[in-house]
Amino acid sequence: MAEQRVTAEQRQAVLERARGCCEYCKSQARFATQAFSTEHIIPRHSGGQAALDNLALACQGCNNHKYTKTQARDPVSDNRVPLYHPRQQRWHDHFAWSDDFTLVVGLTPTGRATIETLHLNRAELVNLRRVLYSMGEHPPSEID
């Protein structure tokens, strides 16, 4: 069976649906130094298809840290939990912004595990969020 590739039309649909933001850390593509990826939420090697309900927009940092992971340990309970699934879950159910809008805070085991595994509070992201917030460009417009 031939490997199913993400089409240009799918990439465009994913970009528009995400409004140009990483669906994990909420970084904005317009301020990124690297192109964003169309990421398979369920990896291809685990049976994930190149279908819109399995695709998410991800910055390179989140995409690289997630790689083929779908589960991780919650740092509070130490239980293994599923990572955040942008097509099946709402971001605000699992995450919130810190008072100064620089940190993503986990509200649930899934949120906390996703923050740790994908390094959603990488130093460079925190610095960028701080600068963008001072310019009125962060947080991005809410989409869910």
N, C-alpha and C. Protein backbone atom coordinates (compact mmCIF):
# COMPACT_ATOMS: atom_id res chain seq x y z
N MET A 1 0.84 -1.17 0.00
CA MET A 1 0.00 0.00 0.00
C MET A 1 0.89 1.24 0.00
N ALA A 2 0.61 2.19 -0.86
CA ALA A 2 1.40 3.41 -0.98
C ALA A 2 1.18 4.30 0.25
N GLU A 3 2.27 4.98 0.67
CA GLU A 3 2.19 5.87 1.80
C GLU A 3 1.38 7.10 1.43
N GLN A 4 0.43 7.45 2.26
CA GLN A 4 -0.43 8.60 2.03
C GLN A 4 0.30 9.86 2.49
N ARG A 5 0.45 10.81 1.62
CA ARG A 5 1.13 12.08 1.92
C ARG A 5 0.11 13.19 2.17
N VAL A 6 0.53 14.17 2.96
CA VAL A 6 -0.30 15.35 3.18
C VAL A 6 -0.24 16.20 1.93
N THR A 7 -1.38 16.59 1.42
CA THR A 7 -1.44 17.39 0.19
C THR A 7 -1.28 18.87 0.50
N ALA A 8 -0.99 19.64 -0.51
CA ALA A 8 -0.89 21.10 -0.36
C ALA A 8 -2.23 21.68 0.11
N GLU A 9 -3.33 21.12 -0.38
CA GLU A 9 -4.65 21.59 0.04
C GLU A 9 -4.89 21.31 1.52
N GLN A 10 -4.47 20.14 1.98
CA GLN A 10 -4.61 19.81 3.40
C GLN A 10 -3.75 20.74 4.25
N ARG A 11 -2.52 20.99 3.82
CA ARG A 11 -1.63 21.89 4.57
C ARG A 11 -2.29 23.27 4.72
N GLN A 12 -2.85 23.76 3.64
CA GLN A 12 -3.50 25.07 3.67
C GLN A 12 -4.71 25.06 4.61
N ALA A 13 -5.49 23.99 4.56
CA ALA A 13 -6.67 23.88 5.43
C ALA A 13 -6.25 23.82 6.90
N VAL A 14 -5.17 23.11 7.20
CA VAL A 14 -4.67 23.01 8.58
C VAL A 14 -4.19 24.38 9.05
N LEU A 15 -3.45 25.09 8.22
CA LEU A 15 -2.96 26.43 8.55
C LEU A 15 -4.12 27.39 8.84
N GLU A 16 -5.13 27.37 7.99
CA GLU A 16 -6.29 28.25 8.17
C GLU A 16 -7.08 27.88 9.42
N ARG A 17 -7.29 26.59 9.64
CA ARG A 17 -8.05 26.14 10.81
C ARG A 17 -7.35 26.57 12.11
N ALA A 18 -6.02 26.52 12.12
CA ALA A 18 -5.24 26.88 13.31
C ALA A 18 -4.99 28.38 13.39
N ARG A 19 -5.43 29.11 12.40
CA ARG A 19 -5.21 30.57 12.34
C ARG A 19 -3.74 30.93 12.51
N GLY A 20 -2.89 30.10 11.90
CA GLY A 20 -1.46 30.40 11.90
C GLY A 20 -0.76 30.22 13.23
N CYS A 21 -1.37 29.48 14.16
CA CYS A 21 -0.75 29.25 15.48
C CYS A 21 -0.47 27.77 15.68
N CYS A 22 0.66 27.49 16.33
CA CYS A 22 0.94 26.12 16.74
C CYS A 22 -0.22 25.68 17.64
N GLU A 23 -0.75 24.52 17.38
CA GLU A 23 -1.91 24.06 18.14
C GLU A 23 -1.54 23.52 19.51
N TYR A 24 -0.25 23.48 19.81
CA TYR A 24 0.21 23.02 21.12
C TYR A 24 0.66 24.21 21.98
N CYS A 25 1.67 24.96 21.55
CA CYS A 25 2.22 26.05 22.38
C CYS A 25 1.62 27.41 22.05
N LYS A 26 0.82 27.48 20.99
CA LYS A 26 0.16 28.71 20.54
C LYS A 26 1.13 29.76 19.97
N SER A 27 2.34 29.34 19.59
CA SER A 27 3.26 30.25 18.89
C SER A 27 2.63 30.64 17.56
N GLN A 28 2.93 31.85 17.13
CA GLN A 28 2.36 32.35 15.88
C GLN A 28 3.38 32.21 14.75
N ALA A 29 2.95 31.59 13.67
CA ALA A 29 3.84 31.33 12.54
C ALA A 29 4.43 32.63 11.98
N ARG A 30 3.71 33.71 12.05
CA ARG A 30 4.20 34.96 11.48
C ARG A 30 5.40 35.52 12.23
N PHE A 31 5.67 35.03 13.44
CA PHE A 31 6.84 35.48 14.20
C PHE A 31 7.92 34.40 14.30
N ALA A 32 7.73 33.29 13.63
CA ALA A 32 8.65 32.15 13.73
C ALA A 32 9.86 32.31 12.80
N THR A 33 10.96 31.73 13.22
CA THR A 33 12.16 31.74 12.38
C THR A 33 12.25 30.48 11.52
N GLN A 34 11.40 29.49 11.79
CA GLN A 34 11.35 28.26 11.00
C GLN A 34 9.91 28.00 10.59
N ALA A 35 9.76 27.36 9.45
CA ALA A 35 8.42 27.02 8.96
C ALA A 35 7.74 26.05 9.92
N PHE A 36 6.43 26.16 10.04
CA PHE A 36 5.64 25.24 10.84
C PHE A 36 5.38 23.96 10.04
N SER A 37 5.06 22.89 10.75
CA SER A 37 4.80 21.60 10.13
C SER A 37 3.33 21.23 10.24
N THR A 38 2.90 20.41 9.30
CA THR A 38 1.60 19.77 9.40
C THR A 38 1.89 18.42 10.06
N GLU A 39 1.49 18.30 11.30
CA GLU A 39 1.87 17.19 12.16
C GLU A 39 0.76 16.15 12.23
N HIS A 40 1.15 14.88 12.22
CA HIS A 40 0.21 13.78 12.42
C HIS A 40 0.02 13.60 13.92
N ILE A 41 -1.17 13.85 14.43
CA ILE A 41 -1.45 13.73 15.86
C ILE A 41 -1.23 12.28 16.30
N ILE A 42 -1.86 11.35 15.61
CA ILE A 42 -1.53 9.93 15.75
C ILE A 42 -0.52 9.64 14.65
N PRO A 43 0.70 9.28 15.02
CA PRO A 43 1.75 9.10 14.01
C PRO A 43 1.40 8.05 12.96
N ARG A 44 1.97 8.23 11.80
CA ARG A 44 1.74 7.27 10.71
C ARG A 44 2.13 5.86 11.11
N HIS A 45 3.24 5.72 11.82
CA HIS A 45 3.70 4.37 12.19
C HIS A 45 2.75 3.69 13.18
N SER A 46 1.86 4.47 13.79
CA SER A 46 0.85 3.91 14.70
C SER A 46 -0.51 3.82 14.03
N GLY A 47 -0.55 3.99 12.73
CA GLY A 47 -1.79 3.88 11.99
C GLY A 47 -2.48 5.19 11.70
N GLY A 48 -1.87 6.32 12.11
CA GLY A 48 -2.46 7.62 11.84
C GLY A 48 -2.47 7.94 10.35
N GLN A 49 -3.55 8.48 9.90
CA GLN A 49 -3.73 8.78 8.48
C GLN A 49 -3.49 10.26 8.19
N ALA A 50 -3.24 10.56 6.94
CA ALA A 50 -3.11 11.95 6.48
C ALA A 50 -4.51 12.48 6.19
N ALA A 51 -5.33 12.54 7.22
CA ALA A 51 -6.70 13.04 7.12
C ALA A 51 -6.80 14.28 8.00
N LEU A 52 -7.63 15.23 7.62
CA LEU A 52 -7.70 16.49 8.37
C LEU A 52 -7.97 16.30 9.86
N ASP A 53 -8.72 15.27 10.24
CA ASP A 53 -8.99 15.08 11.66
C ASP A 53 -7.81 14.48 12.42
N ASN A 54 -6.71 14.19 11.72
CA ASN A 54 -5.49 13.70 12.36
C ASN A 54 -4.31 14.63 12.12
N LEU A 55 -4.57 15.82 11.61
CA LEU A 55 -3.48 16.75 11.31
C LEU A 55 -3.61 18.00 12.17
N ALA A 56 -2.44 18.50 12.61
CA ALA A 56 -2.39 19.72 13.41
C ALA A 56 -1.23 20.57 12.93
N LEU A 57 -1.35 21.86 13.14
CA LEU A 57 -0.25 22.78 12.84
C LEU A 57 0.66 22.81 14.06
N ALA A 58 1.96 22.59 13.83
CA ALA A 58 2.92 22.56 14.94
C ALA A 58 4.17 23.32 14.57
N CYS A 59 4.67 24.11 15.54
CA CYS A 59 5.96 24.75 15.34
C CYS A 59 7.03 23.66 15.35
N GLN A 60 8.22 23.98 14.89
CA GLN A 60 9.27 22.97 14.83
C GLN A 60 9.63 22.44 16.21
N GLY A 61 9.65 23.30 17.22
CA GLY A 61 9.98 22.83 18.57
C GLY A 61 8.99 21.79 19.07
N CYS A 62 7.71 22.10 18.97
CA CYS A 62 6.69 21.16 19.43
C CYS A 62 6.71 19.88 18.59
N ASN A 63 6.83 20.03 17.28
CA ASN A 63 6.85 18.88 16.40
C ASN A 63 8.05 17.98 16.71
N ASN A 64 9.21 18.57 16.93
CA ASN A 64 10.41 17.78 17.22
C ASN A 64 10.30 17.08 18.58
N HIS A 65 9.77 17.77 19.58
CA HIS A 65 9.65 17.14 20.90
C HIS A 65 8.56 16.07 20.93
N LYS A 66 7.49 16.28 20.18
CA LYS A 66 6.41 15.29 20.16
C LYS A 66 6.83 14.05 19.40
N TYR A 67 7.44 14.26 18.23
CA TYR A 67 7.91 13.18 17.36
C TYR A 67 6.80 12.15 17.16
N THR A 68 6.90 10.97 17.75
CA THR A 68 5.85 9.96 17.57
C THR A 68 5.12 9.66 18.88
N LYS A 69 5.29 10.52 19.85
CA LYS A 69 4.67 10.28 21.16
C LYS A 69 3.17 10.59 21.12
N THR A 70 2.40 9.79 21.82
CA THR A 70 0.97 10.04 22.01
C THR A 70 0.60 10.00 23.48
N GLN A 71 1.52 9.56 24.33
CA GLN A 71 1.31 9.49 25.77
C GLN A 71 2.57 9.94 26.48
N ALA A 72 2.41 10.34 27.74
CA ALA A 72 3.56 10.72 28.56
C ALA A 72 3.13 10.67 30.02
N ARG A 73 4.08 10.85 30.90
CA ARG A 73 3.80 10.85 32.34
C ARG A 73 3.39 12.23 32.81
N ASP A 74 2.33 12.28 33.59
CA ASP A 74 1.91 13.50 34.27
C ASP A 74 2.92 13.73 35.39
N PRO A 75 3.59 14.90 35.42
CA PRO A 75 4.61 15.13 36.44
C PRO A 75 4.07 15.21 37.87
N VAL A 76 2.77 15.38 38.05
CA VAL A 76 2.18 15.44 39.39
C VAL A 76 1.84 14.05 39.91
N SER A 77 1.09 13.28 39.12
CA SER A 77 0.63 11.96 39.57
C SER A 77 1.59 10.83 39.18
N ASP A 78 2.45 11.09 38.21
CA ASP A 78 3.37 10.10 37.63
C ASP A 78 2.62 9.02 36.84
N ASN A 79 1.32 9.23 36.58
CA ASN A 79 0.56 8.31 35.74
C ASN A 79 0.82 8.60 34.27
N ARG A 80 0.77 7.58 33.47
CA ARG A 80 0.90 7.72 32.02
C ARG A 80 -0.46 8.15 31.48
N VAL A 81 -0.47 9.26 30.72
CA VAL A 81 -1.73 9.82 30.21
C VAL A 81 -1.56 10.18 28.73
N PRO A 82 -2.67 10.31 28.02
CA PRO A 82 -2.56 10.73 26.62
C PRO A 82 -2.12 12.19 26.53
N LEU A 83 -1.35 12.49 25.49
CA LEU A 83 -1.01 13.88 25.20
C LEU A 83 -2.24 14.59 24.65
N TYR A 84 -2.21 15.90 24.69
CA TYR A 84 -3.29 16.73 24.17
C TYR A 84 -3.53 16.41 22.69
N HIS A 85 -4.79 16.25 22.33
CA HIS A 85 -5.21 15.94 20.96
C HIS A 85 -6.03 17.12 20.44
N PRO A 86 -5.44 17.97 19.59
CA PRO A 86 -6.12 19.20 19.16
C PRO A 86 -7.44 19.00 18.39
N ARG A 87 -7.69 17.84 17.84
CA ARG A 87 -8.95 17.62 17.12
C ARG A 87 -10.04 17.11 18.05
N GLN A 88 -9.67 16.51 19.15
CA GLN A 88 -10.66 15.91 20.04
C GLN A 88 -10.83 16.67 21.35
N GLN A 89 -9.93 17.59 21.64
CA GLN A 89 -9.97 18.31 22.90
C GLN A 89 -9.84 19.81 22.67
N ARG A 90 -10.29 20.58 23.65
CA ARG A 90 -10.16 22.04 23.57
C ARG A 90 -8.95 22.48 24.38
N TRP A 91 -8.14 23.39 23.82
CA TRP A 91 -6.92 23.87 24.46
C TRP A 91 -7.22 24.39 25.86
N HIS A 92 -8.25 25.21 26.00
CA HIS A 92 -8.56 25.85 27.28
C HIS A 92 -9.07 24.89 28.34
N ASP A 93 -9.42 23.68 27.96
CA ASP A 93 -9.79 22.68 28.96
C ASP A 93 -8.56 22.09 29.64
N HIS A 94 -7.42 22.18 28.99
CA HIS A 94 -6.19 21.55 29.49
C HIS A 94 -5.08 22.54 29.85
N PHE A 95 -5.18 23.76 29.33
CA PHE A 95 -4.11 24.75 29.51
C PHE A 95 -4.69 26.12 29.83
N ALA A 96 -3.87 26.94 30.45
CA ALA A 96 -4.20 28.34 30.69
C ALA A 96 -2.89 29.12 30.60
N TRP A 97 -2.99 30.42 30.52
CA TRP A 97 -1.81 31.28 30.54
C TRP A 97 -1.53 31.71 31.97
N SER A 98 -0.25 31.85 32.31
CA SER A 98 0.12 32.43 33.59
C SER A 98 -0.35 33.88 33.62
N ASP A 99 -0.31 34.50 34.80
CA ASP A 99 -0.80 35.88 34.94
C ASP A 99 -0.11 36.85 33.99
N ASP A 100 1.16 36.64 33.69
CA ASP A 100 1.89 37.54 32.79
C ASP A 100 1.89 37.04 31.34
N PHE A 101 1.15 35.97 31.06
CA PHE A 101 0.98 35.40 29.72
C PHE A 101 2.27 34.86 29.11
N THR A 102 3.26 34.54 29.93
CA THR A 102 4.51 34.00 29.38
C THR A 102 4.59 32.49 29.46
N LEU A 103 3.85 31.89 30.38
CA LEU A 103 3.92 30.45 30.59
C LEU A 103 2.58 29.78 30.29
N VAL A 104 2.65 28.59 29.71
CA VAL A 104 1.47 27.74 29.58
C VAL A 104 1.41 26.92 30.86
N VAL A 105 0.24 26.92 31.49
CA VAL A 105 0.03 26.22 32.75
C VAL A 105 -0.89 25.03 32.49
N GLY A 106 -0.53 23.86 33.00
CA GLY A 106 -1.35 22.67 32.83
C GLY A 106 -2.47 22.61 33.83
N LEU A 107 -3.69 22.40 33.35
CA LEU A 107 -4.86 22.32 34.21
C LEU A 107 -5.28 20.88 34.50
N THR A 108 -4.79 19.96 33.70
CA THR A 108 -5.18 18.55 33.80
C THR A 108 -3.93 17.69 33.68
N PRO A 109 -4.03 16.40 33.98
CA PRO A 109 -2.89 15.51 33.75
C PRO A 109 -2.42 15.55 32.29
N THR A 110 -3.35 15.57 31.35
CA THR A 110 -2.99 15.66 29.94
C THR A 110 -2.27 16.97 29.65
N GLY A 111 -2.77 18.07 30.19
CA GLY A 111 -2.12 19.36 29.98
C GLY A 111 -0.70 19.38 30.53
N ARG A 112 -0.55 18.91 31.77
CA ARG A 112 0.78 18.90 32.40
C ARG A 112 1.76 18.01 31.65
N ALA A 113 1.30 16.82 31.25
CA ALA A 113 2.17 15.90 30.51
C ALA A 113 2.56 16.48 29.16
N THR A 114 1.64 17.15 28.51
CA THR A 114 1.94 17.77 27.21
C THR A 114 2.94 18.90 27.36
N ILE A 115 2.76 19.73 28.39
CA ILE A 115 3.71 20.82 28.63
C ILE A 115 5.11 20.28 28.83
N GLU A 116 5.25 19.26 29.66
CA GLU A 116 6.57 18.68 29.94
C GLU A 116 7.16 18.01 28.71
N THR A 117 6.38 17.21 28.03
CA THR A 117 6.89 16.41 26.91
C THR A 117 7.25 17.27 25.70
N LEU A 118 6.41 18.25 25.38
CA LEU A 118 6.66 19.09 24.22
C LEU A 118 7.45 20.35 24.57
N HIS A 119 7.78 20.51 25.84
CA HIS A 119 8.55 21.67 26.31
C HIS A 119 7.86 22.97 25.88
N LEU A 120 6.58 23.09 26.23
CA LEU A 120 5.79 24.24 25.81
C LEU A 120 6.27 25.56 26.42
N ASN A 121 7.09 25.48 27.44
CA ASN A 121 7.63 26.69 28.06
C ASN A 121 9.14 26.79 27.86
N ARG A 122 9.59 26.46 26.65
CA ARG A 122 11.00 26.60 26.30
C ARG A 122 11.42 28.06 26.50
N ALA A 123 12.63 28.27 26.95
CA ALA A 123 13.11 29.63 27.29
C ALA A 123 12.90 30.60 26.14
N GLU A 124 13.19 30.19 24.92
CA GLU A 124 13.04 31.10 23.78
C GLU A 124 11.58 31.47 23.54
N LEU A 125 10.66 30.54 23.82
CA LEU A 125 9.23 30.86 23.68
C LEU A 125 8.78 31.82 24.76
N VAL A 126 9.24 31.62 25.97
CA VAL A 126 8.88 32.51 27.07
C VAL A 126 9.36 33.93 26.76
N ASN A 127 10.59 34.05 26.27
CA ASN A 127 11.12 35.37 25.91
C ASN A 127 10.31 36.00 24.78
N LEU A 128 9.98 35.21 23.77
CA LEU A 128 9.19 35.73 22.65
C LEU A 128 7.80 36.16 23.13
N ARG A 129 7.18 35.35 23.98
CA ARG A 129 5.86 35.72 24.50
C ARG A 129 5.92 37.04 25.26
N ARG A 130 6.98 37.23 26.04
CA ARG A 130 7.14 38.46 26.82
C ARG A 130 7.21 39.67 25.89
N VAL A 131 8.02 39.57 24.85
CA VAL A 131 8.17 40.68 23.89
C VAL A 131 6.86 40.92 23.15
N LEU A 132 6.25 39.85 22.66
CA LEU A 132 5.01 40.00 21.90
C LEU A 132 3.88 40.55 22.78
N TYR A 133 3.83 40.15 24.05
CA TYR A 133 2.82 40.67 24.96
C TYR A 133 3.00 42.18 25.13
N SER A 134 4.23 42.63 25.26
CA SER A 134 4.49 44.06 25.43
C SER A 134 4.10 44.86 24.19
N MET A 135 4.06 44.19 23.04
CA MET A 135 3.67 44.84 21.78
C MET A 135 2.19 44.64 21.47
N GLY A 136 1.46 43.95 22.35
CA GLY A 136 0.04 43.69 22.11
C GLY A 136 -0.23 42.59 21.10
N GLU A 137 0.76 41.74 20.87
CA GLU A 137 0.63 40.67 19.87
C GLU A 137 0.47 39.27 20.48
N HIS A 138 0.39 39.19 21.80
CA HIS A 138 0.27 37.91 22.49
C HIS A 138 -0.64 38.11 23.69
N PRO A 139 -1.48 37.18 24.04
CA PRO A 139 -1.67 35.88 23.39
C PRO A 139 -2.44 36.03 22.07
N PRO A 140 -2.34 35.03 21.22
CA PRO A 140 -3.06 35.10 19.94
C PRO A 140 -4.57 35.08 20.16
N SER A 141 -5.31 35.49 19.17
CA SER A 141 -6.77 35.46 19.24
C SER A 141 -7.24 34.05 19.54
N GLU A 142 -8.24 33.97 20.37
CA GLU A 142 -8.75 32.66 20.76
C GLU A 142 -9.54 32.03 19.61
N ILE A 143 -9.32 30.72 19.42
CA ILE A 143 -10.01 30.04 18.33
C ILE A 143 -10.91 28.91 18.80
N ASP A 144 -10.90 28.60 20.08
CA ASP A 144 -11.82 27.54 20.53
C ASP A 144 -12.54 27.90 21.78
